[in-house]
Amino acid sequence: MMKSAVYKNIKRIRELKNFTREYVADELEMSTSGYGKIERGEVDLTVSKLIKIAKVLNVSIEFIFKFDVDVFFEKD
């Protein structure tokens, strides 16, 4: 199973891009509830699915793995 940070990062990146769960699920040709399970880390994420998610979010897979929200919103 992938690290939980990957699932959280997918959700954070989606939210920062103002994409709805419905939109991303639609683009992935899956149900909204199925996509929600990915964001919550309730299902194993395949490499092929991760590639598709990265394309929909318009980021690289590496970006999803390395994304750190604190870099974008520095905490004082």
N, C-alpha and C. Protein backbone atom coordinates (compact mmCIF):
# COMPACT_ATOMS: atom_id res chain seq x y z
N MET A 1 0.84 -1.20 0.00
CA MET A 1 0.00 0.00 0.00
C MET A 1 0.88 1.25 0.00
N MET A 2 0.44 2.25 -0.73
CA MET A 2 1.21 3.49 -0.79
C MET A 2 1.09 4.25 0.52
N LYS A 3 2.05 5.14 0.73
CA LYS A 3 2.01 5.95 1.94
C LYS A 3 0.77 6.82 1.96
N SER A 4 0.23 7.02 3.16
CA SER A 4 -1.01 7.80 3.27
C SER A 4 -0.85 9.22 2.77
N ALA A 5 0.38 9.74 2.77
CA ALA A 5 0.61 11.10 2.29
C ALA A 5 0.20 11.24 0.83
N VAL A 6 0.38 10.18 0.05
CA VAL A 6 0.02 10.22 -1.37
C VAL A 6 -1.47 10.49 -1.52
N TYR A 7 -2.29 9.80 -0.75
CA TYR A 7 -3.74 9.97 -0.83
C TYR A 7 -4.14 11.37 -0.40
N LYS A 8 -3.53 11.84 0.68
CA LYS A 8 -3.82 13.20 1.17
C LYS A 8 -3.40 14.24 0.15
N ASN A 9 -2.25 14.01 -0.48
CA ASN A 9 -1.76 14.97 -1.47
C ASN A 9 -2.68 15.04 -2.68
N ILE A 10 -3.21 13.89 -3.09
CA ILE A 10 -4.16 13.90 -4.22
C ILE A 10 -5.33 14.80 -3.88
N LYS A 11 -5.86 14.65 -2.67
CA LYS A 11 -7.00 15.47 -2.26
C LYS A 11 -6.62 16.95 -2.18
N ARG A 12 -5.45 17.24 -1.59
CA ARG A 12 -5.02 18.65 -1.44
C ARG A 12 -4.82 19.31 -2.79
N ILE A 13 -4.17 18.60 -3.71
CA ILE A 13 -3.92 19.17 -5.04
C ILE A 13 -5.25 19.41 -5.75
N ARG A 14 -6.17 18.44 -5.65
CA ARG A 14 -7.49 18.61 -6.27
C ARG A 14 -8.17 19.86 -5.72
N GLU A 15 -8.14 20.02 -4.41
CA GLU A 15 -8.81 21.16 -3.78
C GLU A 15 -8.14 22.48 -4.19
N LEU A 16 -6.81 22.51 -4.26
CA LEU A 16 -6.11 23.73 -4.65
C LEU A 16 -6.43 24.13 -6.09
N LYS A 17 -6.73 23.15 -6.92
CA LYS A 17 -7.10 23.42 -8.31
C LYS A 17 -8.60 23.68 -8.47
N ASN A 18 -9.32 23.65 -7.36
CA ASN A 18 -10.77 23.87 -7.36
C ASN A 18 -11.52 22.85 -8.23
N PHE A 19 -11.01 21.64 -8.25
CA PHE A 19 -11.72 20.56 -8.95
C PHE A 19 -12.62 19.86 -7.95
N THR A 20 -13.82 19.53 -8.36
CA THR A 20 -14.71 18.76 -7.48
C THR A 20 -14.35 17.28 -7.58
N ARG A 21 -14.76 16.54 -6.57
CA ARG A 21 -14.59 15.08 -6.61
C ARG A 21 -15.32 14.52 -7.82
N GLU A 22 -16.50 15.07 -8.08
CA GLU A 22 -17.31 14.60 -9.21
C GLU A 22 -16.57 14.79 -10.53
N TYR A 23 -15.93 15.93 -10.69
CA TYR A 23 -15.19 16.20 -11.93
C TYR A 23 -14.06 15.19 -12.12
N VAL A 24 -13.26 15.00 -11.08
CA VAL A 24 -12.11 14.09 -11.20
C VAL A 24 -12.60 12.66 -11.43
N ALA A 25 -13.63 12.26 -10.69
CA ALA A 25 -14.19 10.91 -10.87
C ALA A 25 -14.68 10.71 -12.30
N ASP A 26 -15.35 11.73 -12.82
CA ASP A 26 -15.85 11.70 -14.20
C ASP A 26 -14.71 11.51 -15.19
N GLU A 27 -13.66 12.29 -15.01
CA GLU A 27 -12.50 12.20 -15.90
C GLU A 27 -11.83 10.83 -15.82
N LEU A 28 -11.91 10.20 -14.65
CA LEU A 28 -11.30 8.88 -14.46
C LEU A 28 -12.27 7.75 -14.85
N GLU A 29 -13.48 8.15 -15.26
CA GLU A 29 -14.53 7.20 -15.62
C GLU A 29 -14.81 6.22 -14.47
N MET A 30 -15.01 6.80 -13.29
CA MET A 30 -15.36 6.00 -12.11
C MET A 30 -16.39 6.75 -11.28
N SER A 31 -16.95 6.07 -10.31
CA SER A 31 -17.97 6.71 -9.47
C SER A 31 -17.31 7.70 -8.51
N THR A 32 -18.09 8.68 -8.08
CA THR A 32 -17.60 9.66 -7.12
C THR A 32 -17.23 8.98 -5.81
N SER A 33 -18.05 8.01 -5.38
CA SER A 33 -17.75 7.32 -4.12
C SER A 33 -16.48 6.49 -4.25
N GLY A 34 -16.26 5.89 -5.42
CA GLY A 34 -15.04 5.14 -5.66
C GLY A 34 -13.82 6.03 -5.61
N TYR A 35 -13.94 7.22 -6.20
CA TYR A 35 -12.83 8.16 -6.16
C TYR A 35 -12.60 8.66 -4.73
N GLY A 36 -13.68 8.87 -4.00
CA GLY A 36 -13.57 9.30 -2.60
C GLY A 36 -12.77 8.30 -1.77
N LYS A 37 -12.93 7.02 -2.07
CA LYS A 37 -12.17 5.98 -1.37
C LYS A 37 -10.68 6.12 -1.63
N ILE A 38 -10.34 6.56 -2.84
CA ILE A 38 -8.92 6.79 -3.15
C ILE A 38 -8.39 7.91 -2.27
N GLU A 39 -9.11 9.03 -2.22
CA GLU A 39 -8.65 10.17 -1.42
C GLU A 39 -8.54 9.82 0.06
N ARG A 40 -9.39 8.94 0.54
CA ARG A 40 -9.36 8.54 1.95
C ARG A 40 -8.38 7.40 2.21
N GLY A 41 -7.74 6.90 1.15
CA GLY A 41 -6.77 5.83 1.32
C GLY A 41 -7.39 4.49 1.67
N GLU A 42 -8.65 4.30 1.28
CA GLU A 42 -9.36 3.06 1.62
C GLU A 42 -9.16 1.96 0.59
N VAL A 43 -8.52 2.29 -0.54
CA VAL A 43 -8.26 1.29 -1.57
C VAL A 43 -6.80 1.37 -2.00
N ASP A 44 -6.28 0.26 -2.47
CA ASP A 44 -4.92 0.27 -3.02
C ASP A 44 -4.94 1.02 -4.33
N LEU A 45 -4.00 1.88 -4.51
CA LEU A 45 -3.91 2.70 -5.71
C LEU A 45 -2.91 2.05 -6.66
N THR A 46 -3.37 1.70 -7.85
CA THR A 46 -2.47 1.11 -8.84
C THR A 46 -1.65 2.21 -9.51
N VAL A 47 -0.52 1.82 -10.06
CA VAL A 47 0.32 2.79 -10.76
C VAL A 47 -0.44 3.38 -11.94
N SER A 48 -1.18 2.55 -12.66
CA SER A 48 -1.92 3.08 -13.82
C SER A 48 -2.98 4.08 -13.39
N LYS A 49 -3.63 3.84 -12.26
CA LYS A 49 -4.63 4.80 -11.75
C LYS A 49 -3.95 6.09 -11.30
N LEU A 50 -2.79 5.96 -10.67
CA LEU A 50 -2.04 7.13 -10.23
C LEU A 50 -1.63 7.98 -11.43
N ILE A 51 -1.22 7.34 -12.52
CA ILE A 51 -0.85 8.06 -13.74
C ILE A 51 -2.06 8.83 -14.27
N LYS A 52 -3.23 8.19 -14.27
CA LYS A 52 -4.45 8.85 -14.76
C LYS A 52 -4.82 10.04 -13.87
N ILE A 53 -4.71 9.85 -12.56
CA ILE A 53 -5.03 10.94 -11.62
C ILE A 53 -4.09 12.12 -11.85
N ALA A 54 -2.80 11.84 -12.02
CA ALA A 54 -1.82 12.90 -12.26
C ALA A 54 -2.18 13.67 -13.53
N LYS A 55 -2.62 12.95 -14.57
CA LYS A 55 -3.01 13.62 -15.82
C LYS A 55 -4.21 14.53 -15.61
N VAL A 56 -5.21 14.03 -14.88
CA VAL A 56 -6.42 14.83 -14.62
C VAL A 56 -6.06 16.08 -13.81
N LEU A 57 -5.19 15.92 -12.83
CA LEU A 57 -4.79 17.05 -11.98
C LEU A 57 -3.74 17.93 -12.66
N ASN A 58 -3.24 17.47 -13.81
CA ASN A 58 -2.25 18.20 -14.58
C ASN A 58 -0.96 18.43 -13.80
N VAL A 59 -0.52 17.38 -13.11
CA VAL A 59 0.75 17.41 -12.38
C VAL A 59 1.49 16.10 -12.66
N SER A 60 2.76 16.05 -12.30
CA SER A 60 3.53 14.81 -12.46
C SER A 60 3.27 13.90 -11.27
N ILE A 61 3.56 12.62 -11.46
CA ILE A 61 3.45 11.68 -10.35
C ILE A 61 4.43 12.08 -9.24
N GLU A 62 5.61 12.51 -9.65
CA GLU A 62 6.61 12.95 -8.68
C GLU A 62 6.06 14.10 -7.82
N PHE A 63 5.34 15.02 -8.46
CA PHE A 63 4.75 16.14 -7.72
C PHE A 63 3.78 15.63 -6.66
N ILE A 64 2.97 14.63 -7.01
CA ILE A 64 2.02 14.07 -6.04
C ILE A 64 2.77 13.49 -4.85
N PHE A 65 3.86 12.77 -5.12
CA PHE A 65 4.63 12.16 -4.03
C PHE A 65 5.33 13.19 -3.15
N LYS A 66 5.83 14.26 -3.76
CA LYS A 66 6.64 15.23 -3.02
C LYS A 66 5.86 16.45 -2.54
N PHE A 67 4.61 16.57 -2.94
CA PHE A 67 3.83 17.76 -2.60
C PHE A 67 3.79 17.96 -1.09
N ASP A 68 4.05 19.18 -0.67
CA ASP A 68 3.99 19.54 0.74
C ASP A 68 3.23 20.86 0.85
N VAL A 69 2.03 20.77 1.38
CA VAL A 69 1.16 21.95 1.46
C VAL A 69 1.82 23.07 2.27
N ASP A 70 2.68 22.73 3.22
CA ASP A 70 3.32 23.75 4.05
C ASP A 70 4.28 24.62 3.25
N VAL A 71 4.78 24.11 2.13
CA VAL A 71 5.65 24.91 1.28
C VAL A 71 4.84 26.03 0.62
N PHE A 72 3.58 25.72 0.30
CA PHE A 72 2.70 26.70 -0.35
C PHE A 72 2.12 27.68 0.66
N PHE A 73 1.84 27.20 1.85
CA PHE A 73 1.24 28.04 2.89
C PHE A 73 2.15 27.96 4.12
N GLU A 74 3.18 28.78 4.12
CA GLU A 74 4.14 28.74 5.21
C GLU A 74 3.46 29.06 6.52
N LYS A 75 3.76 28.23 7.51
CA LYS A 75 3.17 28.43 8.84
C LYS A 75 4.13 29.27 9.67
N ASP A 76 3.57 30.24 10.36
CA ASP A 76 4.39 31.09 11.23
C ASP A 76 4.38 30.56 12.64
